[in-house]
C-alpha atoms as a PDB file:
ATOM      1  CA  MET A   1       0.016  -0.076   0.107  1.00  0.00           C
ATOM      2  CA  ASN A   2       2.742   2.277   0.941  1.00  0.00           C
ATOM      3  CA  LYS A   3       4.680   1.590  -2.225  1.00  0.00           C
ATOM      4  CA  SER A   4       1.836   2.284  -4.622  1.00  0.00           C
ATOM      5  CA  ARG A   5       1.143   5.495  -2.679  1.00  0.00           C
ATOM      6  CA  ASN A   6       4.691   6.547  -3.181  1.00  0.00           C
ATOM      7  CA  ILE A   7       4.646   5.889  -6.860  1.00  0.00           C
ATOM      8  CA  ILE A   8       1.356   7.799  -7.198  1.00  0.00           C
ATOM      9  CA  LYS A   9       3.191  10.800  -5.438  1.00  0.00           C
ATOM     10  CA  LYS A  10       6.133  10.542  -7.619  1.00  0.00           C
ATOM     11  CA  ALA A  11       3.876  10.522 -10.672  1.00  0.00           C
ATOM     12  CA  ILE A  12       1.989  13.663  -9.538  1.00  0.00           C
ATOM     13  CA  LEU A  13       5.196  15.440  -8.789  1.00  0.00           C
ATOM     14  CA  ILE A  14       6.794  14.646 -12.297  1.00  0.00           C
ATOM     15  CA  PHE A  15       3.293  16.129 -13.670  1.00  0.00           C
ATOM     16  CA  TYR A  16       3.695  19.364 -11.666  1.00  0.00           C
ATOM     17  CA  VAL A  17       7.274  19.792 -12.159  1.00  0.00           C
ATOM     18  CA  ALA A  18       8.084  18.563 -15.673  1.00  0.00           C
ATOM     19  CA  ILE A  19       4.907  18.032 -17.719  1.00  0.00           C
ATOM     20  CA  LEU A  20       2.663  21.037 -16.713  1.00  0.00           C
ATOM     21  CA  PRO A  21       5.407  23.687 -17.353  1.00  0.00           C
ATOM     22  CA  ILE A  22       6.454  22.295 -20.630  1.00  0.00           C
ATOM     23  CA  SER A  23       2.868  22.245 -21.842  1.00  0.00           C
ATOM     24  CA  PHE A  24       2.267  25.899 -20.698  1.00  0.00           C
ATOM     25  CA  SER A  25       5.580  27.174 -22.319  1.00  0.00           C
ATOM     26  CA  ASN A  26       4.610  24.997 -25.565  1.00  0.00           C
ATOM     27  CA  ARG A  27       0.999  27.004 -25.371  1.00  0.00           C
ATOM     28  CA  GLU A  28       2.716  30.448 -25.147  1.00  0.00           C
ATOM     29  CA  ILE A  29       5.576  29.898 -27.713  1.00  0.00           C
ATOM     30  CA  TYR A  30       3.554  27.910 -30.263  1.00  0.00           C
ATOM     31  CA  GLY A  31      -0.146  28.252 -29.569  1.00  0.00           C
ATOM     32  CA  THR A  32      -0.736  24.689 -28.773  1.00  0.00           C
ATOM     33  CA  TRP A  33      -0.931  22.672 -25.495  1.00  0.00           C
ATOM     34  CA  ASN A  34       0.184  19.367 -27.318  1.00  0.00           C
ATOM     35  CA  VAL A  35       3.961  19.505 -27.509  1.00  0.00           C
ATOM     36  CA  PHE A  36       3.935  16.778 -30.245  1.00  0.00           C
ATOM     37  CA  ALA A  37       1.401  18.733 -32.550  1.00  0.00           C
ATOM     38  CA  TYR A  38       2.615  20.969 -35.353  1.00  0.00           C
ATOM     39  CA  PRO A  39       2.698  24.573 -34.039  1.00  0.00           C
ATOM     40  CA  ASN A  40      -0.141  27.142 -34.796  1.00  0.00           C
ATOM     41  CA  ARG A  41       2.454  29.994 -34.752  1.00  0.00           C
ATOM     42  CA  VAL A  42       6.182  30.747 -34.473  1.00  0.00           C
ATOM     43  CA  THR A  43       7.669  34.215 -33.658  1.00  0.00           C
ATOM     44  CA  ILE A  44      10.980  35.122 -35.462  1.00  0.00           C
ATOM     45  CA  ASN A  45      12.630  38.458 -35.399  1.00  0.00           C
ATOM     46  CA  GLY A  46       9.534  40.093 -33.764  1.00  0.00           C
ATOM     47  CA  TYR A  47       7.170  38.715 -36.598  1.00  0.00           C
ATOM     48  CA  ARG A  48       4.475  36.220 -35.856  1.00  0.00           C
ATOM     49  CA  TYR A  49       3.969  33.536 -38.519  1.00  0.00           C
ATOM     50  CA  ASP A  50       0.588  31.497 -38.254  1.00  0.00           C
ATOM     51  CA  ASN A  51      -0.069  27.924 -39.490  1.00  0.00           C
ATOM     52  CA  ASN A  52      -2.964  27.525 -41.618  1.00  0.00           C
ATOM     53  CA  GLY A  53      -2.436  23.812 -42.076  1.00  0.00           C
ATOM     54  CA  GLU A  54      -1.031  23.980 -45.430  1.00  0.00           C
ATOM     55  CA  ILE A  55       1.796  21.294 -45.917  1.00  0.00           C
ATOM     56  CA  MET A  56       3.869  21.078 -49.211  1.00  0.00           C
ATOM     57  CA  ALA A  57       6.557  19.114 -50.486  1.00  0.00           C
ATOM     58  CA  LEU A  58       9.425  21.610 -51.597  1.00  0.00           C
ATOM     59  CA  THR A  59      12.401  20.143 -53.676  1.00  0.00           C
ATOM     60  CA  GLY A  60      14.982  21.620 -55.862  1.00  0.00           C
ATOM     61  CA  ASN A  61      15.016  25.277 -56.204  1.00  0.00           C
ATOM     62  CA  LYS A  62      11.871  25.632 -54.119  1.00  0.00           C
ATOM     63  CA  LYS A  63      13.533  24.229 -51.100  1.00  0.00           C
ATOM     64  CA  PRO A  64      13.987  27.007 -48.510  1.00  0.00           C
ATOM     65  CA  LYS A  65      17.903  27.496 -47.990  1.00  0.00           C
ATOM     66  CA  TYR A  66      18.367  29.575 -44.739  1.00  0.00           C
ATOM     67  CA  GLU A  67      17.533  28.352 -41.316  1.00  0.00           C
ATOM     68  CA  VAL A  68      15.930  30.945 -39.033  1.00  0.00           C
ATOM     69  CA  SER A  69      14.858  28.738 -36.149  1.00  0.00           C
ATOM     70  CA  THR A  70      15.285  30.610 -32.650  1.00  0.00           C
ATOM     71  CA  ILE A  71      17.084  28.852 -29.706  1.00  0.00           C
ATOM     72  CA  ILE A  72      13.834  27.684 -28.407  1.00  0.00           C
ATOM     73  CA  ASP A  73      12.688  26.320 -31.628  1.00  0.00           C
ATOM     74  CA  ARG A  74      16.133  24.250 -31.780  1.00  0.00           C
ATOM     75  CA  ILE A  75      15.607  23.041 -28.149  1.00  0.00           C
ATOM     76  CA  THR A  76      12.155  21.800 -29.068  1.00  0.00           C
ATOM     77  CA  PHE A  77      13.406  20.148 -32.301  1.00  0.00           C
ATOM     78  CA  LYS A  78      11.454  22.321 -34.621  1.00  0.00           C
ATOM     79  CA  ARG A  79      13.488  23.646 -37.557  1.00  0.00           C
ATOM     80  CA  VAL A  80      12.098  26.747 -39.262  1.00  0.00           C
ATOM     81  CA  TYR A  81      13.507  27.932 -42.599  1.00  0.00           C
ATOM     82  CA  SER A  82      13.247  30.944 -44.896  1.00  0.00           C
ATOM     83  CA  ASN A  83      14.450  31.892 -48.430  1.00  0.00           C
ATOM     84  CA  GLY A  84      16.557  34.474 -47.088  1.00  0.00           C
ATOM     85  CA  ILE A  85      16.443  37.442 -44.438  1.00  0.00           C
ATOM     86  CA  GLU A  86      14.975  39.991 -46.862  1.00  0.00           C
ATOM     87  CA  SER A  87      12.012  37.494 -47.437  1.00  0.00           C
ATOM     88  CA  MET A  88      10.935  37.678 -43.935  1.00  0.00           C
ATOM     89  CA  GLY A  89       8.439  39.983 -42.385  1.00  0.00           C
ATOM     90  CA  TYR A  90       4.808  41.013 -43.062  1.00  0.00           C
ATOM     91  CA  GLY A  91       3.214  39.426 -46.102  1.00  0.00           C
ATOM     92  CA  LYS A  92       5.988  36.687 -46.058  1.00  0.00           C
ATOM     93  CA  SER A  93       6.236  33.013 -45.226  1.00  0.00           C
ATOM     94  CA  VAL A  94       8.625  30.697 -43.284  1.00  0.00           C
ATOM     95  CA  TYR A  95       8.619  27.021 -43.380  1.00  0.00           C
ATOM     96  CA  LEU A  96       8.473  24.445 -40.679  1.00  0.00           C
ATOM     97  CA  TYR A  97      10.564  21.358 -41.591  1.00  0.00           C
ATOM     98  CA  LEU A  98       8.488  18.140 -41.046  1.00  0.00           C
ATOM     99  CA  GLY A  99      11.059  15.678 -42.682  1.00  0.00           C
ATOM    100  CA  GLY A 100      11.936  14.437 -46.029  1.00  0.00           C
ATOM    101  CA  ASP A 101      10.922  17.177 -48.618  1.00  0.00           C
ATOM    102  CA  ARG A 102       7.763  18.131 -46.393  1.00  0.00           C
ATOM    103  CA  TYR A 103       7.174  21.420 -44.884  1.00  0.00           C
ATOM    104  CA  ILE A 104       4.351  23.416 -43.000  1.00  0.00           C
ATOM    105  CA  ILE A 105       3.937  26.972 -44.555  1.00  0.00           C
ATOM    106  CA  LEU A 106       3.739  29.627 -41.727  1.00  0.00           C
ATOM    107  CA  ARG A 107       2.500  33.100 -43.003  1.00  0.00           C
ATOM    108  CA  CYS A 108       3.005  36.650 -41.450  1.00  0.00           C
ATOM    109  CA  GLY A 109      -0.007  38.614 -42.142  1.00  0.00           C
ATOM    110  CA  GLY A 110      -1.053  42.259 -41.880  1.00  0.00           C
ATOM    111  CA  GLY A 111       0.897  45.395 -41.916  1.00  0.00           C
ATOM    112  CA  GLY A 112       2.378  47.046 -39.061  1.00  0.00           C
END
């Protein structure tokens, strides 16, 4: 009885110390509670790029060439690419790498 109680206490402690803060930070950074889901948004250089669910296969010359991932993106294993620094900002797109030739396109709308 005592052993099972200790296991339950440890599980609750892990939930509060590890899982809950990770989930909250993922919600704040990427707009989704699920740490395994594709992000609803990323913010790079002060610009917010939103995910509209568009997934494309990009190959050859269409493949983005410059990684613009922030430190938090790298820590969470999310690689974000662009076609160059001048192609970032309002009305532009960045690409979240999914693997192979697949990318999610995130767009920055509006003017500021």
